[in-house]
Amino acid sequence: MKVYTARQAILNRRQQTVAYELFFRDGIENVFPRHVKPDVATSRLVLNQHLNLGFKTLSRNKKALINFSQQSLLDQIPALLPPGDIVIEVLEDVEPSDEIYQACRNLFHKGYRFALDDFVYHPDWERFLNFAKLIKFDIRRTSFAEIANILPTLRRRKGVRFLAEKIESHEEFEQAKDLGFDFFQGYFFCVPEMLEHQDIEAQHHMILAIYLEVLKPNFSYSKLAMYFERDLSLSYKLLRFINSGLFDVREPISSIKQALIYLGEEQARKFICLIATAHLGGNNKPLELIRMSILRARFCELVCEKTAPGLSGMAFLTGLFSLVDALLGSPMDKVLERLPLEAEVKQALLAEPGMLGSILELVKAYESGSWFWTQKGCSALNIKEELLPDLYTRAIKWSEDFETNTV
C-alpha cells in the first residue's frame, strides 16, 4: 500500500534549509485529513514513516519537527524516537496542565527538545519555557506588533530561538527579520512537499491479538512472538524500531522473540500501543504476499528442523522476509540495510551460498512445482523428498489455524 507525508522546509536568515517539519497525510491531497484524530495521525506518521524510511531520511539528515498531540505526550510517544533526530512540537491546543508538564519534563530529561507551536503567551506556559528551544509564532494569528511586545521578554531566556511561520511574501519575510526572528517557514519559500512510498499492510486481527496480549499484567513473550511472526508488516517494523538508533544493538537479532525480549516490557508495550493507535481504527485486509511470506516462514522452519535444527529460528526469519522486497517495491539489498538481521539470514535473502539459502531455494522450488530443482535441493540438504508434502501441509495448517482462532 502507499503511504504519504508532507514535508516543509524551515530556513535560516540566509534562506538556507536547516530543518523540516513533517505532516501526516492519508492520501495524495496535500491537506491534513480532518476525520483523523490528532493522536492517531501522530501514531501513523511515526509508524508509517519513521519505521519505514526513517525520519532522518525524510528530513535529509536535518532535524525533523513533529507535531505531538496532548494524548501523544501523555502516552510518551516521542520516547519511541531517537532524541537527536526530532524536535517535539507542542500544539497550540495542548492544555498546560500538571500532567502535561510532567510528561514534557520526563522527555526533556531524556534528551528531547521542544518547540512551542503557534505560541500565544499566557502565564500558564511560563514553566514550559524551561524546556523550549524554539518558539514558533504564526504571523496570521499573532500580528507583528503583538510579537514585538512579547519578544524582548522571551529573549531573556538563554538558548531560545524564534521561528516565524505562515510567511507568504517578501515584505513579511523582511519584517520578521527586522524583528530578530532566527528561522522562517511558509508559502513564500515553499509549499509542503508531498512524499509517497510503499508500506506493507498489517493485519487488523493480528494487531488486535497483540494489543490484547500486551495489556495483560504479565504478558507472554512467546505469544507475542507467535503473533508477530504471522504478520510481516509488524515483524519488519519491530526490527526497524530496534535498529532506529534508539537502542545500542550489540549483537544481531536472530528471532522475533529475541527482538521483543531485547525491548523489555515497557518499550514493548509502548511500541505495541503505537501500532494499535495507528491501525485499530481501520479495516486493513491482509495481502496475498503477506500470507505467502508467513506460510513460507513456517515451511522454511520445518525443513530446517530436519536438516539443521539449531538454525530453525533464523530459517523462519529467512522465509518471513523473503518477499519483503516485492512488498516494499525496493531492492532486497537496500531493504536489508535497514534491518538488524543475522549475517546468515541476509546472505540467504541475497541468494548467497549457505545452509539458509539452500533451504529457501528448496522451499521456493517446491512452492512453484519445480520438481527437478526440488530433487536437487533435497539432495543438497540430505533430506528425503517424500517428507516435503507433510511439512508443507503442516505449514499451511499452522498459518490458517492462527487466522481462524486469533479473534
Protein backbone atom coordinates (compact mmCIF):
# COMPACT_ATOMS: atom_id res chain seq x y z
CA MET A 1 0.00 0.00 0.00
CA LYS A 2 1.05 3.63 -0.43
CA VAL A 3 1.66 5.98 2.49
CA TYR A 4 2.07 9.75 2.34
CA THR A 5 3.84 12.55 4.19
CA ALA A 6 4.18 16.27 3.58
CA ARG A 7 7.49 17.97 4.26
CA GLN A 8 8.05 21.74 4.56
CA ALA A 9 11.46 23.35 4.82
CA ILE A 10 12.49 25.60 7.71
CA LEU A 11 15.04 28.23 6.69
CA ASN A 12 17.51 30.48 8.46
CA ARG A 13 18.09 34.18 7.84
CA ARG A 14 20.21 33.38 4.75
CA GLN A 15 17.35 31.24 3.38
CA GLN A 16 19.29 28.01 3.90
CA THR A 17 17.29 24.92 4.87
CA VAL A 18 18.15 23.90 8.43
CA ALA A 19 15.26 21.56 9.29
CA TYR A 20 11.94 20.17 8.03
CA GLU A 21 8.51 19.97 9.55
CA LEU A 22 6.76 16.70 8.72
CA PHE A 23 2.97 16.46 8.40
CA PHE A 24 0.72 13.40 8.33
CA ARG A 25 -1.28 12.81 5.14
CA ASP A 26 -3.56 9.87 4.30
CA GLY A 27 -3.79 10.48 0.55
CA ILE A 28 -2.43 12.47 -2.35
CA GLU A 29 -4.33 15.61 -1.26
CA ASN A 30 -1.87 17.95 0.44
CA VAL A 31 -4.14 18.75 3.41
CA PHE A 32 -4.49 17.36 6.91
CA PRO A 33 -7.36 14.81 6.97
CA ARG A 34 -9.87 16.32 9.40
CA HIS A 35 -11.54 12.95 10.05
CA VAL A 36 -8.34 11.58 11.65
CA LYS A 37 -7.81 12.24 15.35
CA PRO A 38 -4.54 14.07 16.21
CA ASP A 39 -3.14 11.18 18.30
CA VAL A 40 -3.95 8.71 15.51
CA ALA A 41 -2.27 10.98 12.95
CA THR A 42 0.89 11.18 15.10
CA SER A 43 0.97 7.40 15.58
CA ARG A 44 0.53 6.75 11.87
CA LEU A 45 3.24 9.24 10.98
CA VAL A 46 5.69 7.52 13.33
CA LEU A 47 4.69 4.00 12.31
CA ASN A 48 4.40 4.51 8.55
CA GLN A 49 7.31 6.88 8.06
CA HIS A 50 9.90 6.53 10.81
CA LEU A 51 9.65 2.73 10.88
CA ASN A 52 9.97 2.53 7.10
CA LEU A 53 12.29 5.13 5.60
CA GLY A 54 13.16 6.81 8.90
CA PHE A 55 12.76 10.47 9.81
CA LYS A 56 16.46 11.11 9.16
CA THR A 57 15.96 10.05 5.53
CA LEU A 58 12.79 12.10 5.16
CA SER A 59 14.45 15.18 6.63
CA ARG A 60 17.73 14.70 4.73
CA ASN A 61 19.70 14.21 7.95
CA LYS A 62 18.40 17.50 9.34
CA LYS A 63 16.15 17.91 12.38
CA ALA A 64 12.56 16.78 11.89
CA LEU A 65 9.88 18.82 13.67
CA ILE A 66 6.97 16.56 14.57
CA ASN A 67 3.57 17.65 15.89
CA PHE A 68 2.54 15.77 19.03
CA SER A 69 -1.00 15.95 20.39
CA GLN A 70 -1.86 16.12 24.07
CA GLN A 71 -2.58 12.38 24.27
CA SER A 72 0.64 11.53 22.42
CA LEU A 73 2.63 13.47 25.00
CA LEU A 74 0.82 11.80 27.90
CA ASP A 75 1.49 8.40 26.29
CA GLN A 76 5.18 9.37 25.89
CA ILE A 77 5.10 8.53 22.17
CA PRO A 78 8.14 10.76 21.46
CA ALA A 79 10.22 8.39 23.61
CA LEU A 80 9.90 5.82 20.79
CA LEU A 81 12.09 8.07 18.60
CA PRO A 82 15.80 8.92 18.86
CA PRO A 83 16.05 12.28 20.68
CA GLY A 84 18.75 13.53 18.34
CA ASP A 85 16.54 13.18 15.25
CA ILE A 86 13.47 15.19 16.22
CA VAL A 87 12.12 18.33 17.83
CA ILE A 88 8.82 17.82 19.67
CA GLU A 89 6.24 20.39 18.61
CA VAL A 90 3.70 21.03 21.37
CA LEU A 91 0.50 22.00 19.58
CA GLU A 92 -1.39 25.15 20.49
CA ASP A 93 -4.45 23.22 21.71
CA VAL A 94 -2.47 21.27 24.32
CA GLU A 95 -3.55 22.20 27.85
CA PRO A 96 -0.66 23.42 30.07
CA SER A 97 -1.73 21.11 32.91
CA ASP A 98 0.40 19.50 35.62
CA GLU A 99 0.14 16.15 33.81
CA ILE A 100 1.42 17.64 30.55
CA TYR A 101 4.17 19.47 32.39
CA GLN A 102 5.37 16.22 33.99
CA ALA A 103 5.21 14.41 30.63
CA CYS A 104 7.31 17.13 28.97
CA ARG A 105 9.72 17.21 31.91
CA ASN A 106 10.28 13.46 31.65
CA LEU A 107 11.03 13.75 27.93
CA PHE A 108 13.28 16.79 28.43
CA HIS A 109 15.44 14.88 30.91
CA LYS A 110 15.74 12.06 28.37
CA GLY A 111 17.35 14.48 25.93
CA TYR A 112 14.36 15.62 23.87
CA ARG A 113 13.98 19.22 22.80
CA PHE A 114 10.75 21.17 22.37
CA ALA A 115 9.16 23.75 20.11
CA LEU A 116 6.03 25.60 21.22
CA ASP A 117 3.81 25.80 18.14
CA ASP A 118 1.58 28.79 17.28
CA PHE A 119 2.71 30.37 20.53
CA VAL A 120 0.48 32.90 22.32
CA TYR A 121 1.87 33.93 25.68
CA HIS A 122 -0.07 33.03 28.82
CA PRO A 123 1.31 32.74 32.38
CA ASP A 124 0.35 29.05 32.46
CA TRP A 125 3.02 28.40 29.80
CA GLU A 126 5.79 30.13 31.76
CA ARG A 127 7.20 26.93 33.32
CA PHE A 128 7.18 25.19 29.92
CA LEU A 129 9.60 27.78 28.56
CA ASN A 130 12.35 25.99 30.52
CA PHE A 131 12.06 23.11 28.04
CA ALA A 132 11.61 25.09 24.84
CA LYS A 133 14.49 25.57 22.43
CA LEU A 134 12.24 27.03 19.75
CA ILE A 135 9.15 29.23 19.90
CA LYS A 136 7.01 29.44 16.76
CA PHE A 137 4.77 32.42 16.03
CA ASP A 138 2.00 32.15 13.44
CA ILE A 139 2.00 35.64 11.92
CA ARG A 140 -1.53 35.12 10.59
CA ARG A 141 -2.69 34.60 14.16
CA THR A 142 -0.42 37.00 16.07
CA SER A 143 0.43 40.34 14.47
CA PHE A 144 3.97 41.69 14.18
CA ALA A 145 3.01 44.44 16.61
CA GLU A 146 1.91 41.91 19.24
CA ILE A 147 5.04 39.84 18.65
CA ALA A 148 7.24 42.93 19.07
CA ASN A 149 5.76 43.46 22.54
CA ILE A 150 6.45 39.94 23.80
CA LEU A 151 9.79 39.13 22.14
CA PRO A 152 12.01 41.23 24.47
CA THR A 153 10.71 39.31 27.49
CA LEU A 154 11.18 35.93 25.83
CA ARG A 155 14.70 36.80 24.67
CA ARG A 156 15.86 36.95 28.29
CA ARG A 157 15.79 33.16 28.31
CA LYS A 158 19.09 31.70 27.19
CA GLY A 159 19.17 29.28 24.28
CA VAL A 160 15.68 30.03 22.96
CA ARG A 161 15.32 30.69 19.21
CA PHE A 162 12.32 32.09 17.35
CA LEU A 163 10.56 30.99 14.16
CA ALA A 164 8.04 32.96 12.10
CA GLU A 165 5.62 30.71 10.24
CA LYS A 166 3.00 31.37 7.56
CA ILE A 167 5.35 33.79 5.77
CA GLU A 168 3.68 34.49 2.41
CA SER A 169 5.50 37.49 0.97
CA HIS A 170 8.92 39.11 0.72
CA GLU A 171 7.63 42.02 2.79
CA GLU A 172 6.61 39.69 5.63
CA PHE A 173 9.99 37.96 5.46
CA GLU A 174 11.78 41.31 5.81
CA GLN A 175 9.53 42.37 8.70
CA ALA A 176 10.22 39.10 10.51
CA LYS A 177 13.96 39.54 10.00
CA ASP A 178 13.79 43.08 11.33
CA LEU A 179 12.09 41.78 14.48
CA GLY A 180 15.01 39.41 15.00
CA PHE A 181 13.49 36.05 14.07
CA ASP A 182 16.05 33.27 13.60
CA PHE A 183 14.06 30.90 11.38
CA PHE A 184 11.27 31.13 8.82
CA GLN A 185 8.61 28.90 7.29
CA GLY A 186 5.80 29.49 4.83
CA TYR A 187 4.48 29.50 1.28
CA PHE A 188 6.77 32.39 0.34
CA PHE A 189 9.64 29.89 0.42
CA CYS A 190 7.88 26.64 -0.49
CA VAL A 191 4.60 24.77 -0.14
CA PRO A 192 4.70 21.48 1.79
CA GLU A 193 6.23 18.86 -0.49
CA MET A 194 4.30 15.59 -0.83
CA LEU A 195 6.29 12.37 -0.36
CA GLU A 196 4.96 8.92 -1.28
CA HIS A 197 6.36 5.43 -0.76
CA GLN A 198 5.31 1.83 -0.30
CA ASP A 199 4.49 0.21 3.02
CA ILE A 200 3.41 -3.32 3.97
CA GLU A 201 -0.20 -3.58 5.06
CA ALA A 202 -0.69 -5.02 8.54
CA GLN A 203 -3.46 -7.44 9.50
CA HIS A 204 -6.19 -5.94 11.68
CA HIS A 205 -6.91 -9.13 13.63
CA MET A 206 -3.22 -9.71 14.33
CA ILE A 207 -2.79 -6.21 15.74
CA LEU A 208 -5.81 -6.76 17.98
CA ALA A 209 -4.39 -10.07 19.24
CA ILE A 210 -1.04 -8.45 20.03
CA TYR A 211 -2.68 -5.49 21.73
CA LEU A 212 -4.88 -7.69 23.93
CA GLU A 213 -1.89 -9.81 24.95
CA VAL A 214 0.31 -6.86 25.87
CA LEU A 215 -2.42 -5.38 28.08
CA LYS A 216 -2.06 -8.33 30.46
CA PRO A 217 -0.01 -7.61 33.65
CA ASN A 218 2.39 -10.45 32.80
CA PHE A 219 2.23 -10.89 29.06
CA SER A 220 3.92 -13.79 27.32
CA TYR A 221 6.90 -13.03 25.08
CA SER A 222 6.32 -16.39 23.39
CA LYS A 223 2.74 -15.49 22.50
CA LEU A 224 3.73 -12.02 21.30
CA ALA A 225 6.45 -13.56 19.15
CA MET A 226 3.93 -16.02 17.73
CA TYR A 227 1.62 -13.15 16.74
CA PHE A 228 4.40 -11.01 15.24
CA GLU A 229 5.69 -13.98 13.25
CA ARG A 230 2.35 -14.16 11.47
CA ASP A 231 2.45 -10.58 10.21
CA LEU A 232 5.31 -9.45 8.02
CA SER A 233 4.48 -5.75 8.39
CA LEU A 234 4.69 -5.89 12.18
CA SER A 235 7.85 -8.01 12.16
CA TYR A 236 9.50 -5.56 9.78
CA LYS A 237 8.58 -2.54 11.90
CA LEU A 238 9.71 -4.28 15.09
CA LEU A 239 13.18 -4.82 13.65
CA ARG A 240 13.26 -1.29 12.22
CA PHE A 241 12.32 0.05 15.66
CA ILE A 242 15.23 -1.79 17.27
CA ASN A 243 17.54 -0.54 14.54
CA SER A 244 16.21 3.06 14.63
CA GLY A 245 19.09 4.46 16.66
CA LEU A 246 17.19 4.46 19.94
CA PHE A 247 18.92 1.29 21.17
CA ASP A 248 22.52 0.15 21.43
CA VAL A 249 22.26 -3.05 19.38
CA ARG A 250 25.35 -5.04 20.31
CA GLU A 251 24.53 -8.28 18.52
CA PRO A 252 22.37 -9.18 15.51
CA ILE A 253 18.78 -10.29 16.08
CA SER A 254 18.20 -13.97 15.26
CA SER A 255 14.49 -14.35 16.18
CA ILE A 256 11.34 -12.30 16.74
CA LYS A 257 11.18 -13.41 20.38
CA GLN A 258 14.75 -12.22 20.94
CA ALA A 259 13.78 -8.84 19.46
CA LEU A 260 10.83 -8.46 21.85
CA ILE A 261 12.88 -9.52 24.89
CA TYR A 262 15.53 -7.03 23.79
CA LEU A 263 12.93 -4.25 24.06
CA GLY A 264 11.78 -5.16 27.54
CA GLU A 265 8.24 -4.86 28.88
CA GLU A 266 7.94 -1.07 28.99
CA GLN A 267 9.19 -0.37 25.48
CA ALA A 268 7.34 -3.38 24.04
CA ARG A 269 4.09 -2.05 25.49
CA LYS A 270 4.71 1.47 24.15
CA PHE A 271 5.61 0.13 20.71
CA ILE A 272 2.52 -2.07 20.52
CA CYS A 273 0.24 0.72 21.78
CA LEU A 274 1.63 2.90 18.98
CA ILE A 275 0.70 0.19 16.45
CA ALA A 276 -2.77 -0.21 17.97
CA THR A 277 -3.45 3.54 17.94
CA ALA A 278 -2.38 3.83 14.32
CA HIS A 279 -4.26 0.85 12.92
CA LEU A 280 -7.16 -0.39 15.02
CA GLY A 281 -9.50 2.25 13.60
CA GLY A 282 -9.08 0.89 10.08
CA ASN A 283 -10.17 -2.19 8.16
CA ASN A 284 -6.96 -3.44 6.59
CA LYS A 285 -7.18 -6.68 4.63
CA PRO A 286 -4.10 -8.94 4.57
CA LEU A 287 -2.31 -9.04 1.24
CA GLU A 288 -1.66 -12.33 -0.53
CA LEU A 289 2.08 -11.68 -0.48
CA ILE A 290 1.96 -11.40 3.30
CA ARG A 291 0.09 -14.72 3.54
CA MET A 292 2.73 -16.30 1.32
CA SER A 293 5.53 -14.86 3.48
CA ILE A 294 4.06 -16.29 6.68
CA LEU A 295 3.46 -19.70 5.11
CA ARG A 296 6.96 -19.74 3.65
CA ALA A 297 8.48 -18.78 7.01
CA ARG A 298 6.91 -21.80 8.72
CA PHE A 299 7.81 -24.11 5.84
CA CYS A 300 11.45 -22.98 5.99
CA GLU A 301 11.45 -23.54 9.74
CA LEU A 302 10.06 -27.08 9.43
CA VAL A 303 12.56 -28.02 6.71
CA CYS A 304 15.39 -26.60 8.82
CA GLU A 305 14.33 -28.69 11.82
CA LYS A 306 15.05 -31.77 9.68
CA THR A 307 18.42 -30.55 8.41
CA ALA A 308 19.95 -28.05 10.87
CA PRO A 309 17.70 -27.65 13.97
CA GLY A 310 19.98 -25.04 15.54
CA LEU A 311 19.18 -22.63 12.69
CA SER A 312 15.38 -23.02 12.74
CA GLY A 313 14.74 -19.54 14.19
CA MET A 314 16.84 -17.89 11.50
CA ALA A 315 15.20 -20.09 8.86
CA PHE A 316 11.83 -18.70 9.93
CA LEU A 317 13.10 -15.12 9.53
CA THR A 318 14.59 -16.00 6.15
CA GLY A 319 11.21 -17.18 4.88
CA LEU A 320 9.31 -14.34 6.52
CA PHE A 321 11.41 -11.63 4.85
CA SER A 322 11.93 -13.41 1.53
CA LEU A 323 9.21 -11.33 -0.21
CA VAL A 324 9.79 -8.03 1.58
CA ASP A 325 11.45 -6.50 -1.49
CA ALA A 326 8.32 -7.13 -3.57
CA LEU A 327 6.07 -5.73 -0.85
CA LEU A 328 8.10 -2.55 -0.44
CA GLY A 329 8.97 -2.12 -4.09
CA SER A 330 12.65 -1.76 -3.19
CA PRO A 331 15.75 -3.89 -3.97
CA MET A 332 16.44 -6.54 -1.35
CA ASP A 333 19.93 -5.23 -0.58
CA LYS A 334 18.53 -1.76 0.17
CA VAL A 335 15.81 -3.17 2.42
CA LEU A 336 18.31 -5.30 4.35
CA GLU A 337 20.48 -2.28 5.11
CA ARG A 338 17.71 -1.13 7.46
CA LEU A 339 17.23 -4.44 9.30
CA PRO A 340 19.48 -5.80 12.10
CA LEU A 341 19.31 -9.43 10.95
CA GLU A 342 21.96 -12.12 11.37
CA ALA A 343 24.53 -12.18 8.57
CA GLU A 344 23.43 -15.72 7.62
CA VAL A 345 19.83 -14.54 7.13
CA LYS A 346 20.91 -11.60 4.98
CA GLN A 347 23.16 -13.85 2.90
CA ALA A 348 20.27 -16.20 2.26
CA LEU A 349 17.96 -13.36 1.24
CA LEU A 350 20.63 -12.10 -1.15
CA ALA A 351 20.89 -15.59 -2.73
CA GLU A 352 24.42 -16.12 -1.44
CA PRO A 353 25.63 -19.70 -0.73
CA GLY A 354 24.83 -21.18 2.68
CA MET A 355 22.53 -23.53 4.57
CA LEU A 356 19.70 -21.00 4.96
CA GLY A 357 19.94 -20.02 1.31
CA SER A 358 19.71 -23.67 0.27
CA ILE A 359 16.63 -24.17 2.44
CA LEU A 360 14.96 -21.09 0.95
CA GLU A 361 15.71 -22.24 -2.59
CA LEU A 362 14.27 -25.68 -1.85
CA VAL A 363 11.11 -24.17 -0.39
CA LYS A 364 10.69 -21.86 -3.39
CA ALA A 365 11.22 -24.74 -5.79
CA TYR A 366 8.57 -26.84 -4.02
CA GLU A 367 6.09 -23.93 -3.95
CA SER A 368 6.44 -23.41 -7.69
CA GLY A 369 6.24 -27.12 -8.56
CA SER A 370 9.78 -27.20 -9.98
CA TRP A 371 10.37 -30.86 -9.26
CA PHE A 372 13.82 -31.04 -10.85
CA TRP A 373 15.11 -28.27 -8.56
CA THR A 374 13.18 -29.73 -5.64
CA GLN A 375 15.02 -33.03 -6.08
CA LYS A 376 18.36 -31.24 -6.38
CA GLY A 377 17.61 -29.20 -3.26
CA CYS A 378 16.67 -32.28 -1.24
CA SER A 379 19.86 -34.00 -2.35
CA ALA A 380 22.00 -31.00 -1.37
CA LEU A 381 20.38 -30.80 2.07
CA ASN A 382 20.24 -34.58 2.56
CA ILE A 383 16.51 -34.53 3.26
CA LYS A 384 14.02 -37.10 1.96
CA GLU A 385 11.81 -35.66 -0.76
CA GLU A 386 8.76 -37.59 0.49
CA LEU A 387 8.80 -35.52 3.73
CA LEU A 388 8.03 -32.26 1.96
CA PRO A 389 4.27 -32.71 1.30
CA ASP A 390 3.62 -33.31 5.02
CA LEU A 391 5.82 -30.39 6.08
CA TYR A 392 4.08 -28.11 3.61
CA THR A 393 0.64 -29.24 4.79
CA ARG A 394 1.68 -28.56 8.39
CA ALA A 395 2.89 -25.08 7.41
CA ILE A 396 -0.45 -24.31 5.72
CA LYS A 397 -2.42 -25.54 8.73
CA TRP A 398 -0.22 -23.52 11.11
CA SER A 399 -0.78 -20.27 9.20
CA GLU A 400 -4.51 -20.82 8.62
CA ASP A 401 -5.35 -22.06 12.13
CA PHE A 402 -4.00 -18.93 13.70
CA GLU A 403 -6.05 -16.62 11.48
CA THR A 404 -9.19 -18.61 12.31
CA ASN A 405 -8.65 -18.75 16.09
CA THR A 406 -7.00 -15.42 16.90
CA VAL A 407 -10.10 -13.25 17.22
